[in-house]
PDB file of all heavy atoms in Angstrom:
ATOM      1  N   GLU A   1      50.279  65.375 154.235  1.00  0.00           N
ATOM      2  CA  GLU A   1      49.789  66.669 154.691  1.00  0.00           C
ATOM      3  C   GLU A   1      50.364  67.031 156.061  1.00  0.00           C
ATOM      4  O   GLU A   1      50.696  68.199 156.323  1.00  0.00           O
ATOM      5  CB  GLU A   1      48.260  66.667 154.756  1.00  0.00           C
ATOM      6  CG  GLU A   1      47.634  67.882 155.414  1.00  0.00           C
ATOM      7  CD  GLU A   1      48.021  69.227 154.763  1.00  0.00           C
ATOM      8  OE1 GLU A   1      48.398  69.230 153.564  1.00  0.00           O
ATOM      9  OE2 GLU A   1      47.935  70.257 155.438  1.00  0.00           O
ATOM     10  N   MET A   2      50.523  66.059 156.946  1.00  0.00           N
ATOM     11  CA  MET A   2      51.109  66.344 158.251  1.00  0.00           C
ATOM     12  C   MET A   2      52.551  66.856 158.114  1.00  0.00           C
ATOM     13  O   MET A   2      52.935  67.827 158.756  1.00  0.00           O
ATOM     14  CB  MET A   2      51.100  65.092 159.137  1.00  0.00           C
ATOM     15  CG  MET A   2      49.723  64.750 159.710  1.00  0.00           C
ATOM     16  SD  MET A   2      49.848  63.418 160.941  1.00  0.00           S
ATOM     17  CE  MET A   2      50.120  62.000 159.884  1.00  0.00           C
ATOM     18  N   VAL A   3      53.325  66.190 157.252  1.00  0.00           N
ATOM     19  CA  VAL A   3      54.714  66.617 157.049  1.00  0.00           C
ATOM     20  C   VAL A   3      54.783  68.006 156.425  1.00  0.00           C
ATOM     21  O   VAL A   3      55.601  68.841 156.797  1.00  0.00           O
ATOM     22  CB  VAL A   3      55.471  65.595 156.195  1.00  0.00           C
ATOM     23  CG1 VAL A   3      56.872  66.086 155.840  1.00  0.00           C
ATOM     24  CG2 VAL A   3      55.555  64.251 156.922  1.00  0.00           C
ATOM     25  N   ARG A   4      53.897  68.266 155.464  1.00  0.00           N
ATOM     26  CA  ARG A   4      53.867  69.596 154.842  1.00  0.00           C
ATOM     27  C   ARG A   4      53.546  70.658 155.897  1.00  0.00           C
ATOM     28  O   ARG A   4      54.182  71.722 155.928  1.00  0.00           O
ATOM     29  CB  ARG A   4      52.802  69.629 153.737  1.00  0.00           C
ATOM     30  CG  ARG A   4      52.741  70.957 152.970  1.00  0.00           C
ATOM     31  CD  ARG A   4      51.398  71.177 152.308  1.00  0.00           C
ATOM     32  NE  ARG A   4      50.335  71.371 153.293  1.00  0.00           N
ATOM     33  CZ  ARG A   4      50.076  72.518 153.882  1.00  0.00           C
ATOM     34  NH1 ARG A   4      50.831  73.595 153.638  1.00  0.00           N
ATOM     35  NH2 ARG A   4      49.087  72.626 154.744  1.00  0.00           N
ATOM     36  N   ARG A   5      52.593  70.377 156.748  1.00  0.00           N
ATOM     37  CA  ARG A   5      52.163  71.339 157.769  1.00  0.00           C
ATOM     38  C   ARG A   5      53.267  71.581 158.789  1.00  0.00           C
ATOM     39  O   ARG A   5      53.441  72.700 159.293  1.00  0.00           O
ATOM     40  CB  ARG A   5      50.899  70.820 158.456  1.00  0.00           C
ATOM     41  CG  ARG A   5      50.171  71.857 159.300  1.00  0.00           C
ATOM     42  CD  ARG A   5      48.855  71.294 159.807  1.00  0.00           C
ATOM     43  NE  ARG A   5      47.963  70.904 158.719  1.00  0.00           N
ATOM     44  CZ  ARG A   5      46.779  70.307 158.893  1.00  0.00           C
ATOM     45  NH1 ARG A   5      46.368  70.009 160.109  1.00  0.00           N
ATOM     46  NH2 ARG A   5      46.037  70.004 157.834  1.00  0.00           N
ATOM     47  N   MET A   6      54.037  70.565 159.116  1.00  0.00           N
ATOM     48  CA  MET A   6      55.159  70.753 160.066  1.00  0.00           C
ATOM     49  C   MET A   6      56.117  71.828 159.558  1.00  0.00           C
ATOM     50  O   MET A   6      56.629  72.632 160.329  1.00  0.00           O
ATOM     51  CB  MET A   6      55.929  69.437 160.234  1.00  0.00           C
ATOM     52  CG  MET A   6      55.198  68.358 161.002  1.00  0.00           C
ATOM     53  SD  MET A   6      56.213  66.852 161.048  1.00  0.00           S
ATOM     54  CE  MET A   6      54.974  65.636 161.502  1.00  0.00           C
ATOM     55  N   GLY A   7      56.349  71.829 158.248  1.00  0.00           N
ATOM     56  CA  GLY A   7      57.297  72.780 157.668  1.00  0.00           C
ATOM     57  C   GLY A   7      56.869  74.231 157.770  1.00  0.00           C
ATOM     58  O   GLY A   7      57.674  75.126 157.499  1.00  0.00           O
ATOM     59  N   LEU A   8      55.628  74.482 158.172  1.00  0.00           N
ATOM     60  CA  LEU A   8      55.151  75.853 158.339  1.00  0.00           C
ATOM     61  C   LEU A   8      55.598  76.458 159.665  1.00  0.00           C
ATOM     62  O   LEU A   8      55.478  77.668 159.858  1.00  0.00           O
ATOM     63  CB  LEU A   8      53.622  75.890 158.260  1.00  0.00           C
ATOM     64  CG  LEU A   8      53.002  75.355 156.960  1.00  0.00           C
ATOM     65  CD1 LEU A   8      51.476  75.402 157.057  1.00  0.00           C
ATOM     66  CD2 LEU A   8      53.498  76.152 155.758  1.00  0.00           C
ATOM     67  N   TYR A   9      56.119  75.626 160.572  1.00  0.00           N
ATOM     68  CA  TYR A   9      56.575  76.114 161.876  1.00  0.00           C
ATOM     69  C   TYR A   9      58.103  76.249 161.837  1.00  0.00           C
ATOM     70  O   TYR A   9      58.802  75.356 161.372  1.00  0.00           O
ATOM     71  CB  TYR A   9      56.165  75.146 162.977  1.00  0.00           C
ATOM     72  CG  TYR A   9      54.673  75.046 163.147  1.00  0.00           C
ATOM     73  CD1 TYR A   9      53.917  74.151 162.365  1.00  0.00           C
ATOM     74  CD2 TYR A   9      54.001  75.832 164.091  1.00  0.00           C
ATOM     75  CE1 TYR A   9      52.550  74.060 162.517  1.00  0.00           C
ATOM     76  CE2 TYR A   9      52.626  75.730 164.235  1.00  0.00           C
ATOM     77  CZ  TYR A   9      51.901  74.844 163.455  1.00  0.00           C
ATOM     78  OH  TYR A   9      50.545  74.752 163.601  1.00  0.00           O
ATOM     79  N   PRO A  10      58.644  77.385 162.346  1.00  0.00           N
ATOM     80  CA  PRO A  10      60.090  77.629 162.285  1.00  0.00           C
ATOM     81  C   PRO A  10      60.925  76.475 162.841  1.00  0.00           C
ATOM     82  O   PRO A  10      61.969  76.123 162.249  1.00  0.00           O
ATOM     83  CB  PRO A  10      60.271  78.903 163.115  1.00  0.00           C
ATOM     84  CG  PRO A  10      58.967  79.629 162.974  1.00  0.00           C
ATOM     85  CD  PRO A  10      57.920  78.561 162.912  1.00  0.00           C
ATOM     86  N   ILE A  11      60.496  75.852 163.922  1.00  0.00           N
ATOM     87  CA  ILE A  11      61.302  74.797 164.532  1.00  0.00           C
ATOM     88  C   ILE A  11      61.358  73.553 163.653  1.00  0.00           C
ATOM     89  O   ILE A  11      62.228  72.701 163.813  1.00  0.00           O
ATOM     90  CB  ILE A  11      60.759  74.447 165.932  1.00  0.00           C
ATOM     91  CG1 ILE A  11      61.775  73.562 166.681  1.00  0.00           C
ATOM     92  CG2 ILE A  11      59.385  73.761 165.843  1.00  0.00           C
ATOM     93  CD1 ILE A  11      61.432  73.309 168.127  1.00  0.00           C
ATOM     94  N   LEU A  12      60.439  73.430 162.672  1.00  0.00           N
ATOM     95  CA  LEU A  12      60.374  72.240 161.830  1.00  0.00           C
ATOM     96  C   LEU A  12      60.460  72.551 160.343  1.00  0.00           C
ATOM     97  O   LEU A  12      60.169  71.684 159.512  1.00  0.00           O
ATOM     98  CB  LEU A  12      59.048  71.480 162.121  1.00  0.00           C
ATOM     99  CG  LEU A  12      58.897  70.885 163.515  1.00  0.00           C
ATOM    100  CD1 LEU A  12      57.485  70.339 163.710  1.00  0.00           C
ATOM    101  CD2 LEU A  12      59.922  69.792 163.755  1.00  0.00           C
ATOM    102  N   GLU A  13      60.876  73.755 159.986  1.00  0.00           N
ATOM    103  CA  GLU A  13      60.851  74.149 158.580  1.00  0.00           C
ATOM    104  C   GLU A  13      61.755  73.297 157.691  1.00  0.00           C
ATOM    105  O   GLU A  13      61.499  73.147 156.490  1.00  0.00           O
ATOM    106  CB  GLU A  13      61.189  75.622 158.429  1.00  0.00           C
ATOM    107  CG  GLU A  13      62.564  76.029 158.915  1.00  0.00           C
ATOM    108  CD  GLU A  13      62.782  77.519 158.798  1.00  0.00           C
ATOM    109  OE1 GLU A  13      61.863  78.214 158.316  1.00  0.00           O
ATOM    110  OE2 GLU A  13      63.877  77.997 159.181  1.00  0.00           O
ATOM    111  N   ASP A  14      62.795  72.697 158.261  1.00  0.00           N
ATOM    112  CA  ASP A  14      63.681  71.828 157.471  1.00  0.00           C
ATOM    113  C   ASP A  14      63.602  70.372 157.952  1.00  0.00           C
ATOM    114  O   ASP A  14      64.494  69.581 157.670  1.00  0.00           O
ATOM    115  CB  ASP A  14      65.123  72.316 157.544  1.00  0.00           C
ATOM    116  CG  ASP A  14      65.672  72.317 158.959  1.00  0.00           C
ATOM    117  OD1 ASP A  14      64.868  72.227 159.911  1.00  0.00           O
ATOM    118  OD2 ASP A  14      66.901  72.420 159.130  1.00  0.00           O
ATOM    119  N   PHE A  15      62.517  70.013 158.640  1.00  0.00           N
ATOM    120  CA  PHE A  15      62.364  68.667 159.169  1.00  0.00           C
ATOM    121  C   PHE A  15      61.926  67.713 158.048  1.00  0.00           C
ATOM    122  O   PHE A  15      60.902  67.924 157.411  1.00  0.00           O
ATOM    123  CB  PHE A  15      61.314  68.669 160.293  1.00  0.00           C
ATOM    124  CG  PHE A  15      61.151  67.329 160.966  1.00  0.00           C
ATOM    125  CD1 PHE A  15      62.127  66.834 161.831  1.00  0.00           C
ATOM    126  CD2 PHE A  15      60.013  66.558 160.754  1.00  0.00           C
ATOM    127  CE1 PHE A  15      61.958  65.628 162.455  1.00  0.00           C
ATOM    128  CE2 PHE A  15      59.852  65.336 161.371  1.00  0.00           C
ATOM    129  CZ  PHE A  15      60.823  64.853 162.230  1.00  0.00           C
ATOM    130  N   ARG A  16      62.728  66.663 157.844  1.00  0.00           N
ATOM    131  CA  ARG A  16      62.442  65.681 156.800  1.00  0.00           C
ATOM    132  C   ARG A  16      62.449  64.297 157.436  1.00  0.00           C
ATOM    133  O   ARG A  16      63.507  63.675 157.570  1.00  0.00           O
ATOM    134  CB  ARG A  16      63.480  65.783 155.679  1.00  0.00           C
ATOM    135  CG  ARG A  16      63.527  67.175 155.044  1.00  0.00           C
ATOM    136  CD  ARG A  16      64.692  67.279 154.070  1.00  0.00           C
ATOM    137  NE  ARG A  16      64.450  66.531 152.849  1.00  0.00           N
ATOM    138  CZ  ARG A  16      65.381  66.228 151.940  1.00  0.00           C
ATOM    139  NH1 ARG A  16      66.636  66.598 152.157  1.00  0.00           N
ATOM    140  NH2 ARG A  16      65.087  65.556 150.865  1.00  0.00           N
ATOM    141  N   PRO A  17      61.299  63.793 157.825  1.00  0.00           N
ATOM    142  CA  PRO A  17      61.260  62.516 158.532  1.00  0.00           C
ATOM    143  C   PRO A  17      61.594  61.344 157.636  1.00  0.00           C
ATOM    144  O   PRO A  17      61.228  61.310 156.461  1.00  0.00           O
ATOM    145  CB  PRO A  17      59.796  62.440 159.015  1.00  0.00           C
ATOM    146  CG  PRO A  17      59.042  63.264 158.040  1.00  0.00           C
ATOM    147  CD  PRO A  17      59.972  64.379 157.648  1.00  0.00           C
ATOM    148  N   VAL A  18      62.303  60.383 158.217  1.00  0.00           N
ATOM    149  CA  VAL A  18      62.679  59.166 157.488  1.00  0.00           C
ATOM    150  C   VAL A  18      62.043  57.942 158.118  1.00  0.00           C
ATOM    151  O   VAL A  18      62.182  56.837 157.602  1.00  0.00           O
ATOM    152  CB  VAL A  18      64.216  59.047 157.443  1.00  0.00           C
ATOM    153  CG1 VAL A  18      64.769  58.607 158.800  1.00  0.00           C
ATOM    154  CG2 VAL A  18      64.671  58.109 156.353  1.00  0.00           C
ATOM    155  N   GLU A  19      61.327  58.142 159.215  1.00  0.00           N
ATOM    156  CA  GLU A  19      60.675  57.041 159.894  1.00  0.00           C
ATOM    157  C   GLU A  19      59.428  57.540 160.610  1.00  0.00           C
ATOM    158  O   GLU A  19      59.397  58.668 161.113  1.00  0.00           O
ATOM    159  CB  GLU A  19      61.629  56.392 160.907  1.00  0.00           C
ATOM    160  CG  GLU A  19      61.166  55.063 161.455  1.00  0.00           C
ATOM    161  CD  GLU A  19      60.692  55.118 162.893  1.00  0.00           C
ATOM    162  OE1 GLU A  19      60.522  56.241 163.411  1.00  0.00           O
ATOM    163  OE2 GLU A  19      60.483  54.059 163.500  1.00  0.00           O
ATOM    164  N   GLN A  20      58.394  56.708 160.603  1.00  0.00           N
ATOM    165  CA  GLN A  20      57.162  56.992 161.321  1.00  0.00           C
ATOM    166  C   GLN A  20      56.752  55.739 162.098  1.00  0.00           C
ATOM    167  O   GLN A  20      56.717  54.639 161.556  1.00  0.00           O
ATOM    168  CB  GLN A  20      56.037  57.385 160.348  1.00  0.00           C
ATOM    169  CG  GLN A  20      54.675  57.548 161.019  1.00  0.00           C
ATOM    170  CD  GLN A  20      53.596  57.977 160.036  1.00  0.00           C
ATOM    171  OE1 GLN A  20      53.885  58.641 159.037  1.00  0.00           O
ATOM    172  NE2 GLN A  20      52.350  57.602 160.309  1.00  0.00           N
ATOM    173  N   CYS A  21      56.436  55.929 163.370  1.00  0.00           N
ATOM    174  CA  CYS A  21      55.992  54.826 164.214  1.00  0.00           C
ATOM    175  C   CYS A  21      54.674  55.194 164.843  1.00  0.00           C
ATOM    176  O   CYS A  21      54.593  56.203 165.576  1.00  0.00           O
ATOM    177  CB  CYS A  21      57.044  54.515 165.295  1.00  0.00           C
ATOM    178  SG  CYS A  21      56.578  53.173 166.394  1.00  0.00           S
ATOM    179  N   ASN A  22      53.636  54.416 164.584  1.00  0.00           N
ATOM    180  CA  ASN A  22      52.338  54.610 165.202  1.00  0.00           C
ATOM    181  C   ASN A  22      52.209  53.646 166.376  1.00  0.00           C
ATOM    182  O   ASN A  22      52.438  52.447 166.227  1.00  0.00           O
ATOM    183  CB  ASN A  22      51.202  54.326 164.211  1.00  0.00           C
ATOM    184  CG  ASN A  22      51.314  55.155 162.932  1.00  0.00           C
ATOM    185  OD1 ASN A  22      51.892  56.233 162.940  1.00  0.00           O
ATOM    186  ND2 ASN A  22      50.752  54.655 161.849  1.00  0.00           N
ATOM    187  N   LEU A  23      51.872  54.173 167.539  1.00  0.00           N
ATOM    188  CA  LEU A  23      51.681  53.348 168.734  1.00  0.00           C
ATOM    189  C   LEU A  23      50.246  53.492 169.236  1.00  0.00           C
ATOM    190  O   LEU A  23      49.737  54.598 169.356  1.00  0.00           O
ATOM    191  CB  LEU A  23      52.674  53.756 169.832  1.00  0.00           C
ATOM    192  CG  LEU A  23      54.145  53.461 169.580  1.00  0.00           C
ATOM    193  CD1 LEU A  23      54.992  53.953 170.759  1.00  0.00           C
ATOM    194  CD2 LEU A  23      54.373  51.961 169.362  1.00  0.00           C
ATOM    195  N   ASP A  24      49.654  52.358 169.545  1.00  0.00           N
ATOM    196  CA  ASP A  24      48.267  52.294 170.037  1.00  0.00           C
ATOM    197  C   ASP A  24      48.281  51.924 171.517  1.00  0.00           C
ATOM    198  O   ASP A  24      48.818  50.869 171.903  1.00  0.00           O
ATOM    199  CB  ASP A  24      47.495  51.256 169.225  1.00  0.00           C
ATOM    200  CG  ASP A  24      46.078  51.076 169.724  1.00  0.00           C
ATOM    201  OD1 ASP A  24      45.295  52.030 169.603  1.00  0.00           O
ATOM    202  OD2 ASP A  24      45.746  49.978 170.202  1.00  0.00           O
TER     203      ASP A  24
END
């Protein structure tokens, strides 16, 4: 859902992430 929502913004409409890093 986060990736889908990113695509609604012009700066990220073609953003296709290949890596995710969670930092605590």
